[in-house]
Amino acid sequence: MGGQACVLYGAAEFSRDTDLALLASPDNLTHLQAALDALGASVIAVPSLELKYLERGHAVHFAHDDPAGGRTRIDVMARMRNVDPFPALWARRTTVTLEGVGDVELLSLPDLALSKKTQRDRDWPMLRRLVEVNYLTFRSEATEVRVEFWLRELRTPALLLEAAARFGERARALAASRPLLAAALRAEEDGVTQGLAREEEVERAADRAYWAPLR
């Protein structure tokens, strides 16, 4: 999950850390701790690596010294706002095979997009680029699943207008759950831009409210 997943989906050039989602269970934490010990990684902030914190939604932060890349961060979470529980995420995962590494399991693109709707400034350009790249790559190979994803998540006004014009019937069906699609269907770019700003404001506020008691 996170920036490294965005890199592998083609939406970023680099990421400063590695974010991992895992199934919170005693056995899994034992395996995770063994892997971290092998890396020489240690916790660098609160909370500590305990099941109760992961189940609440906290992230646990580690760092280790990588001979090739210097000081490297690893952040681990088991529960995220706006995103389904781990078993559902695992069932929908994307598998990427990297030469010299093997299989890497990523959050599915729709799940990754949902996880990026935070209060952090850096996540919104990443989210926009993530969906934009997918649309530009596959717009000539539209499927029902892809069209649904594009209409729900595109954040580039010109591309959203184009998608609404191409897939008008589906856009009309989704307008009740994403009101700015009505403006897109009318080819009103200003209305789409304003709608995107409102969506971001709502999600940022929801993320602040989610994290307040955890902090």
C-alpha atoms as a PDB file:
ATOM      1  CA  MET A   1       0.000   0.000   0.000  1.00  0.00           C
ATOM      2  CA  GLY A   2       1.088   3.628  -0.098  1.00  0.00           C
ATOM      3  CA  GLY A   3       3.733   5.292  -2.205  1.00  0.00           C
ATOM      4  CA  GLN A   4       5.556   2.137  -3.284  1.00  0.00           C
ATOM      5  CA  ALA A   5       2.291   0.706  -4.612  1.00  0.00           C
ATOM      6  CA  CYS A   6       1.718   3.969  -6.504  1.00  0.00           C
ATOM      7  CA  VAL A   7       5.196   3.612  -8.040  1.00  0.00           C
ATOM      8  CA  LEU A   8       4.355   0.116  -9.254  1.00  0.00           C
ATOM      9  CA  TYR A   9       1.048   1.341 -10.711  1.00  0.00           C
ATOM     10  CA  GLY A  10       2.986   4.015 -12.628  1.00  0.00           C
ATOM     11  CA  ALA A  11       1.691   7.026 -10.698  1.00  0.00           C
ATOM     12  CA  ALA A  12       4.876   8.087  -8.887  1.00  0.00           C
ATOM     13  CA  GLU A  13       8.599   8.226  -9.503  1.00  0.00           C
ATOM     14  CA  PHE A  14       9.769   7.433  -5.988  1.00  0.00           C
ATOM     15  CA  SER A  15       8.620   7.002  -2.408  1.00  0.00           C
ATOM     16  CA  ARG A  16      10.523   7.734   0.773  1.00  0.00           C
ATOM     17  CA  ASP A  17       9.232   4.719   2.690  1.00  0.00           C
ATOM     18  CA  THR A  18       7.463   1.383   2.407  1.00  0.00           C
ATOM     19  CA  ASP A  19       3.893   1.086   3.724  1.00  0.00           C
ATOM     20  CA  LEU A  20       2.533  -2.379   4.449  1.00  0.00           C
ATOM     21  CA  ALA A  21      -0.981  -3.582   5.230  1.00  0.00           C
ATOM     22  CA  LEU A  22      -1.203  -6.849   7.113  1.00  0.00           C
ATOM     23  CA  LEU A  23      -3.697  -9.187   8.709  1.00  0.00           C
ATOM     24  CA  ALA A  24      -3.607  -8.489  12.444  1.00  0.00           C
ATOM     25  CA  SER A  25      -3.126 -11.826  14.190  1.00  0.00           C
ATOM     26  CA  PRO A  26      -0.674 -13.140  16.800  1.00  0.00           C
ATOM     27  CA  ASP A  27       0.994 -15.486  14.280  1.00  0.00           C
ATOM     28  CA  ASN A  28       1.368 -12.727  11.714  1.00  0.00           C
ATOM     29  CA  LEU A  29       2.962 -10.385  14.226  1.00  0.00           C
ATOM     30  CA  THR A  30       5.453 -13.115  15.119  1.00  0.00           C
ATOM     31  CA  HIS A  31       6.384 -13.538  11.448  1.00  0.00           C
ATOM     32  CA  LEU A  32       6.561  -9.774  10.943  1.00  0.00           C
ATOM     33  CA  GLN A  33       8.821  -9.332  13.948  1.00  0.00           C
ATOM     34  CA  ALA A  34      11.151 -12.067  12.640  1.00  0.00           C
ATOM     35  CA  ALA A  35      11.374 -10.295   9.258  1.00  0.00           C
ATOM     36  CA  LEU A  36      12.041  -6.942  10.919  1.00  0.00           C
ATOM     37  CA  ASP A  37      14.715  -8.509  13.118  1.00  0.00           C
ATOM     38  CA  ALA A  38      16.379  -9.943  10.011  1.00  0.00           C
ATOM     39  CA  LEU A  39      16.483  -6.413   8.546  1.00  0.00           C
ATOM     40  CA  GLY A  40      17.723  -4.924  11.785  1.00  0.00           C
ATOM     41  CA  ALA A  41      14.648  -2.681  11.885  1.00  0.00           C
ATOM     42  CA  SER A  42      13.388  -1.119  15.099  1.00  0.00           C
ATOM     43  CA  VAL A  43      10.383   0.936  16.190  1.00  0.00           C
ATOM     44  CA  ILE A  44      11.117   4.662  15.890  1.00  0.00           C
ATOM     45  CA  ALA A  45       7.939   6.172  17.376  1.00  0.00           C
ATOM     46  CA  VAL A  46       4.880   5.282  19.393  1.00  0.00           C
ATOM     47  CA  PRO A  47       3.032   2.977  19.466  1.00  0.00           C
ATOM     48  CA  SER A  48       4.925  -0.281  19.900  1.00  0.00           C
ATOM     49  CA  LEU A  49       4.251  -3.339  17.748  1.00  0.00           C
ATOM     50  CA  GLU A  50       1.229  -4.771  19.547  1.00  0.00           C
ATOM     51  CA  LEU A  51      -2.000  -6.257  18.239  1.00  0.00           C
ATOM     52  CA  LYS A  52      -4.203  -3.845  20.209  1.00  0.00           C
ATOM     53  CA  TYR A  53      -2.729  -0.805  18.468  1.00  0.00           C
ATOM     54  CA  LEU A  54      -2.973  -2.265  14.979  1.00  0.00           C
ATOM     55  CA  GLU A  55      -6.594  -3.279  15.599  1.00  0.00           C
ATOM     56  CA  ARG A  56      -7.448   0.295  16.650  1.00  0.00           C
ATOM     57  CA  GLY A  57      -6.095   1.639  13.375  1.00  0.00           C
ATOM     58  CA  HIS A  58      -2.699   2.929  14.468  1.00  0.00           C
ATOM     59  CA  ALA A  59       0.359   2.669  12.245  1.00  0.00           C
ATOM     60  CA  VAL A  60       3.580   1.250  13.694  1.00  0.00           C
ATOM     61  CA  HIS A  61       6.736   2.913  12.354  1.00  0.00           C
ATOM     62  CA  PHE A  62      10.105   1.236  11.872  1.00  0.00           C
ATOM     63  CA  ALA A  63      13.449   2.206  10.422  1.00  0.00           C
ATOM     64  CA  HIS A  64      16.528   0.282   9.352  1.00  0.00           C
ATOM     65  CA  ASP A  65      19.855   1.028   7.715  1.00  0.00           C
ATOM     66  CA  ASP A  66      19.922  -0.191   4.122  1.00  0.00           C
ATOM     67  CA  PRO A  67      23.473  -0.428   2.718  1.00  0.00           C
ATOM     68  CA  ALA A  68      22.135   0.461  -0.746  1.00  0.00           C
ATOM     69  CA  GLY A  69      19.688   3.193   0.191  1.00  0.00           C
ATOM     70  CA  GLY A  70      20.623   4.586   3.588  1.00  0.00           C
ATOM     71  CA  ARG A  71      18.087   4.993   6.367  1.00  0.00           C
ATOM     72  CA  THR A  72      14.789   3.407   5.272  1.00  0.00           C
ATOM     73  CA  ARG A  73      11.315   3.665   6.824  1.00  0.00           C
ATOM     74  CA  ILE A  74       8.724   0.891   7.068  1.00  0.00           C
ATOM     75  CA  ASP A  75       5.189   1.676   8.245  1.00  0.00           C
ATOM     76  CA  VAL A  76       2.722  -1.096   9.083  1.00  0.00           C
ATOM     77  CA  MET A  77      -1.079  -0.872   9.402  1.00  0.00           C
ATOM     78  CA  ALA A  78      -3.870  -3.400   9.713  1.00  0.00           C
ATOM     79  CA  ARG A  79      -6.897  -1.110   9.522  1.00  0.00           C
ATOM     80  CA  MET A  80      -7.515   2.011   7.435  1.00  0.00           C
ATOM     81  CA  ARG A  81     -10.309   4.556   7.228  1.00  0.00           C
ATOM     82  CA  ASN A  82     -12.505   4.203   4.163  1.00  0.00           C
ATOM     83  CA  VAL A  83     -11.073   0.778   3.295  1.00  0.00           C
ATOM     84  CA  ASP A  84     -12.438  -2.757   3.779  1.00  0.00           C
ATOM     85  CA  PRO A  85     -10.964  -5.229   6.299  1.00  0.00           C
ATOM     86  CA  PHE A  86      -7.822  -7.095   5.268  1.00  0.00           C
ATOM     87  CA  PRO A  87      -9.434 -10.353   4.020  1.00  0.00           C
ATOM     88  CA  ALA A  88     -11.408  -8.388   1.403  1.00  0.00           C
ATOM     89  CA  LEU A  89      -8.315  -6.401   0.423  1.00  0.00           C
ATOM     90  CA  TRP A  90      -6.330  -9.603   0.022  1.00  0.00           C
ATOM     91  CA  ALA A  91      -9.018 -11.187  -2.160  1.00  0.00           C
ATOM     92  CA  ARG A  92      -8.885  -8.160  -4.521  1.00  0.00           C
ATOM     93  CA  ARG A  93      -5.109  -7.661  -4.483  1.00  0.00           C
ATOM     94  CA  THR A  94      -2.940  -7.104  -7.539  1.00  0.00           C
ATOM     95  CA  THR A  95       0.176  -9.261  -7.921  1.00  0.00           C
ATOM     96  CA  VAL A  96       3.228  -7.749  -9.621  1.00  0.00           C
ATOM     97  CA  THR A  97       6.302  -9.843 -10.373  1.00  0.00           C
ATOM     98  CA  LEU A  98       9.611  -7.980 -10.076  1.00  0.00           C
ATOM     99  CA  GLU A  99      12.812  -9.350 -11.544  1.00  0.00           C
ATOM    100  CA  GLY A 100      15.185 -10.434  -8.805  1.00  0.00           C
ATOM    101  CA  VAL A 101      12.502  -9.957  -6.147  1.00  0.00           C
ATOM    102  CA  GLY A 102       9.549 -12.180  -6.977  1.00  0.00           C
ATOM    103  CA  ASP A 103       5.864 -11.533  -6.421  1.00  0.00           C
ATOM    104  CA  VAL A 104       4.784  -8.334  -4.693  1.00  0.00           C
ATOM    105  CA  GLU A 105       1.176  -8.076  -3.519  1.00  0.00           C
ATOM    106  CA  LEU A 106      -0.400  -4.610  -3.897  1.00  0.00           C
ATOM    107  CA  LEU A 107      -3.672  -3.141  -2.762  1.00  0.00           C
ATOM    108  CA  SER A 108      -6.030  -3.206  -5.730  1.00  0.00           C
ATOM    109  CA  LEU A 109      -6.168   0.103  -7.568  1.00  0.00           C
ATOM    110  CA  PRO A 110      -9.663   1.040  -6.272  1.00  0.00           C
ATOM    111  CA  ASP A 111      -8.649   0.195  -2.690  1.00  0.00           C
ATOM    112  CA  LEU A 112      -5.428   2.167  -3.017  1.00  0.00           C
ATOM    113  CA  ALA A 113      -7.380   5.161  -4.327  1.00  0.00           C
ATOM    114  CA  LEU A 114      -9.715   5.031  -1.316  1.00  0.00           C
ATOM    115  CA  SER A 115      -6.780   4.807   1.079  1.00  0.00           C
ATOM    116  CA  LYS A 116      -5.288   7.990  -0.386  1.00  0.00           C
ATOM    117  CA  LYS A 117      -8.268  10.171   0.610  1.00  0.00           C
ATOM    118  CA  THR A 118      -6.604  11.629   3.680  1.00  0.00           C
ATOM    119  CA  GLN A 119      -5.936  15.001   5.260  1.00  0.00           C
ATOM    120  CA  ARG A 120      -2.360  15.002   3.925  1.00  0.00           C
ATOM    121  CA  ASP A 121      -1.570  17.425   1.108  1.00  0.00           C
ATOM    122  CA  ARG A 122       0.739  15.004  -0.683  1.00  0.00           C
ATOM    123  CA  ASP A 123      -1.908  12.302  -1.081  1.00  0.00           C
ATOM    124  CA  TRP A 124      -4.302  14.255  -3.320  1.00  0.00           C
ATOM    125  CA  PRO A 125      -1.928  14.852  -6.274  1.00  0.00           C
ATOM    126  CA  MET A 126      -0.938  11.179  -5.967  1.00  0.00           C
ATOM    127  CA  LEU A 127      -4.577  10.078  -6.062  1.00  0.00           C
ATOM    128  CA  ARG A 128      -5.258  12.241  -9.106  1.00  0.00           C
ATOM    129  CA  ARG A 129      -2.246  10.836 -10.934  1.00  0.00           C
ATOM    130  CA  LEU A 130      -3.056   7.254  -9.913  1.00  0.00           C
ATOM    131  CA  VAL A 131      -6.482   7.316 -11.582  1.00  0.00           C
ATOM    132  CA  GLU A 132      -5.322   9.476 -14.477  1.00  0.00           C
ATOM    133  CA  VAL A 133      -2.596   6.994 -15.449  1.00  0.00           C
ATOM    134  CA  ASN A 134      -5.055   4.117 -15.380  1.00  0.00           C
ATOM    135  CA  TYR A 135      -7.557   5.992 -17.564  1.00  0.00           C
ATOM    136  CA  LEU A 136      -4.961   7.111 -20.117  1.00  0.00           C
ATOM    137  CA  THR A 137      -3.496   3.610 -20.278  1.00  0.00           C
ATOM    138  CA  PHE A 138      -6.754   1.696 -20.657  1.00  0.00           C
ATOM    139  CA  ARG A 139      -9.341   4.099 -22.091  1.00  0.00           C
ATOM    140  CA  SER A 140      -9.285   2.185 -25.387  1.00  0.00           C
ATOM    141  CA  GLU A 141      -9.836  -1.043 -23.423  1.00  0.00           C
ATOM    142  CA  ALA A 142     -12.796   0.019 -21.296  1.00  0.00           C
ATOM    143  CA  THR A 143     -14.493  -2.631 -19.206  1.00  0.00           C
ATOM    144  CA  GLU A 144     -17.474  -2.294 -16.899  1.00  0.00           C
ATOM    145  CA  VAL A 145     -15.202  -2.435 -13.850  1.00  0.00           C
ATOM    146  CA  ARG A 146     -12.791   0.164 -15.239  1.00  0.00           C
ATOM    147  CA  VAL A 147     -15.573   2.544 -16.281  1.00  0.00           C
ATOM    148  CA  GLU A 148     -17.095   2.364 -12.793  1.00  0.00           C
ATOM    149  CA  PHE A 149     -13.697   3.095 -11.244  1.00  0.00           C
ATOM    150  CA  TRP A 150     -12.974   6.035 -13.576  1.00  0.00           C
ATOM    151  CA  LEU A 151     -16.352   7.671 -13.056  1.00  0.00           C
ATOM    152  CA  ARG A 152     -16.137   7.274  -9.281  1.00  0.00           C
ATOM    153  CA  GLU A 153     -12.526   8.357  -8.844  1.00  0.00           C
ATOM    154  CA  LEU A 154     -11.195  10.498 -11.728  1.00  0.00           C
ATOM    155  CA  ARG A 155     -10.013  13.871 -10.382  1.00  0.00           C
ATOM    156  CA  THR A 156      -8.740  15.459 -13.612  1.00  0.00           C
ATOM    157  CA  PRO A 157     -11.579  17.722 -14.856  1.00  0.00           C
ATOM    158  CA  ALA A 158     -10.879  17.363 -18.586  1.00  0.00           C
ATOM    159  CA  LEU A 159     -10.666  13.576 -18.358  1.00  0.00           C
ATOM    160  CA  LEU A 160     -13.777  13.376 -16.197  1.00  0.00           C
ATOM    161  CA  LEU A 161     -15.715  15.397 -18.800  1.00  0.00           C
ATOM    162  CA  GLU A 162     -14.439  13.050 -21.492  1.00  0.00           C
ATOM    163  CA  ALA A 163     -15.382   9.932 -19.503  1.00  0.00           C
ATOM    164  CA  ALA A 164     -18.866  11.265 -18.746  1.00  0.00           C
ATOM    165  CA  ALA A 165     -19.421  11.983 -22.444  1.00  0.00           C
ATOM    166  CA  ARG A 166     -18.222   8.510 -23.434  1.00  0.00           C
ATOM    167  CA  PHE A 167     -20.062   6.597 -20.740  1.00  0.00           C
ATOM    168  CA  GLY A 168     -23.112   8.770 -20.249  1.00  0.00           C
ATOM    169  CA  GLU A 169     -25.561   6.053 -19.226  1.00  0.00           C
ATOM    170  CA  ARG A 170     -23.286   4.812 -16.446  1.00  0.00           C
ATOM    171  CA  ALA A 171     -22.439   8.375 -15.377  1.00  0.00           C
ATOM    172  CA  ARG A 172     -26.136   9.171 -14.991  1.00  0.00           C
ATOM    173  CA  ALA A 173     -26.600   6.052 -12.877  1.00  0.00           C
ATOM    174  CA  LEU A 174     -23.713   7.061 -10.579  1.00  0.00           C
ATOM    175  CA  ALA A 175     -24.623  10.754 -10.295  1.00  0.00           C
ATOM    176  CA  ALA A 176     -26.691  10.139  -7.154  1.00  0.00           C
ATOM    177  CA  SER A 177     -23.603   8.876  -5.318  1.00  0.00           C
ATOM    178  CA  ARG A 178     -21.176  11.353  -6.962  1.00  0.00           C
ATOM    179  CA  PRO A 179     -23.103  14.596  -7.624  1.00  0.00           C
ATOM    180  CA  LEU A 180     -20.382  16.294  -9.681  1.00  0.00           C
ATOM    181  CA  LEU A 181     -21.086  13.773 -12.447  1.00  0.00           C
ATOM    182  CA  ALA A 182     -24.237  15.782 -13.201  1.00  0.00           C
ATOM    183  CA  ALA A 183     -22.034  18.786 -14.009  1.00  0.00           C
ATOM    184  CA  ALA A 184     -19.725  16.544 -16.045  1.00  0.00           C
ATOM    185  CA  LEU A 185     -22.673  15.287 -18.094  1.00  0.00           C
ATOM    186  CA  ARG A 186     -23.576  18.918 -18.836  1.00  0.00           C
ATOM    187  CA  ALA A 187     -19.929  19.559 -19.831  1.00  0.00           C
ATOM    188  CA  GLU A 188     -19.602  22.202 -17.094  1.00  0.00           C
ATOM    189  CA  GLU A 189     -15.898  22.212 -16.255  1.00  0.00           C
ATOM    190  CA  ASP A 190     -16.268  24.860 -13.534  1.00  0.00           C
ATOM    191  CA  GLY A 191     -18.946  22.768 -11.849  1.00  0.00           C
ATOM    192  CA  VAL A 192     -16.714  19.705 -11.973  1.00  0.00           C
ATOM    193  CA  THR A 193     -13.761  21.650 -10.536  1.00  0.00           C
ATOM    194  CA  GLN A 194     -15.906  22.992  -7.696  1.00  0.00           C
ATOM    195  CA  GLY A 195     -17.308  19.534  -7.044  1.00  0.00           C
ATOM    196  CA  LEU A 196     -13.810  18.052  -6.806  1.00  0.00           C
ATOM    197  CA  ALA A 197     -12.835  20.720  -4.271  1.00  0.00           C
ATOM    198  CA  ARG A 198     -15.925  19.904  -2.163  1.00  0.00           C
ATOM    199  CA  GLU A 199     -15.155  16.180  -2.284  1.00  0.00           C
ATOM    200  CA  GLU A 200     -11.611  16.782  -1.091  1.00  0.00           C
ATOM    201  CA  GLU A 201     -12.778  19.062   1.710  1.00  0.00           C
ATOM    202  CA  VAL A 202     -15.264  16.444   2.949  1.00  0.00           C
ATOM    203  CA  GLU A 203     -12.689  13.637   2.889  1.00  0.00           C
ATOM    204  CA  ARG A 204     -10.040  15.722   4.650  1.00  0.00           C
ATOM    205  CA  ALA A 205     -12.522  16.571   7.404  1.00  0.00           C
ATOM    206  CA  ALA A 206     -13.568  12.923   7.761  1.00  0.00           C
ATOM    207  CA  ASP A 207      -9.919  11.856   8.029  1.00  0.00           C
ATOM    208  CA  ARG A 208      -9.208  14.470  10.712  1.00  0.00           C
ATOM    209  CA  ALA A 209     -12.235  13.254  12.668  1.00  0.00           C
ATOM    210  CA  TYR A 210     -11.097   9.632  12.334  1.00  0.00           C
ATOM    211  CA  TRP A 211      -7.588  10.310  13.626  1.00  0.00           C
ATOM    212  CA  ALA A 212      -8.497  12.708  16.456  1.00  0.00           C
ATOM    213  CA  PRO A 213      -9.344  10.026  19.057  1.00  0.00           C
ATOM    214  CA  LEU A 214      -6.460   7.787  17.917  1.00  0.00           C
ATOM    215  CA  ARG A 215      -4.013  10.601  18.468  1.00  0.00           C
END
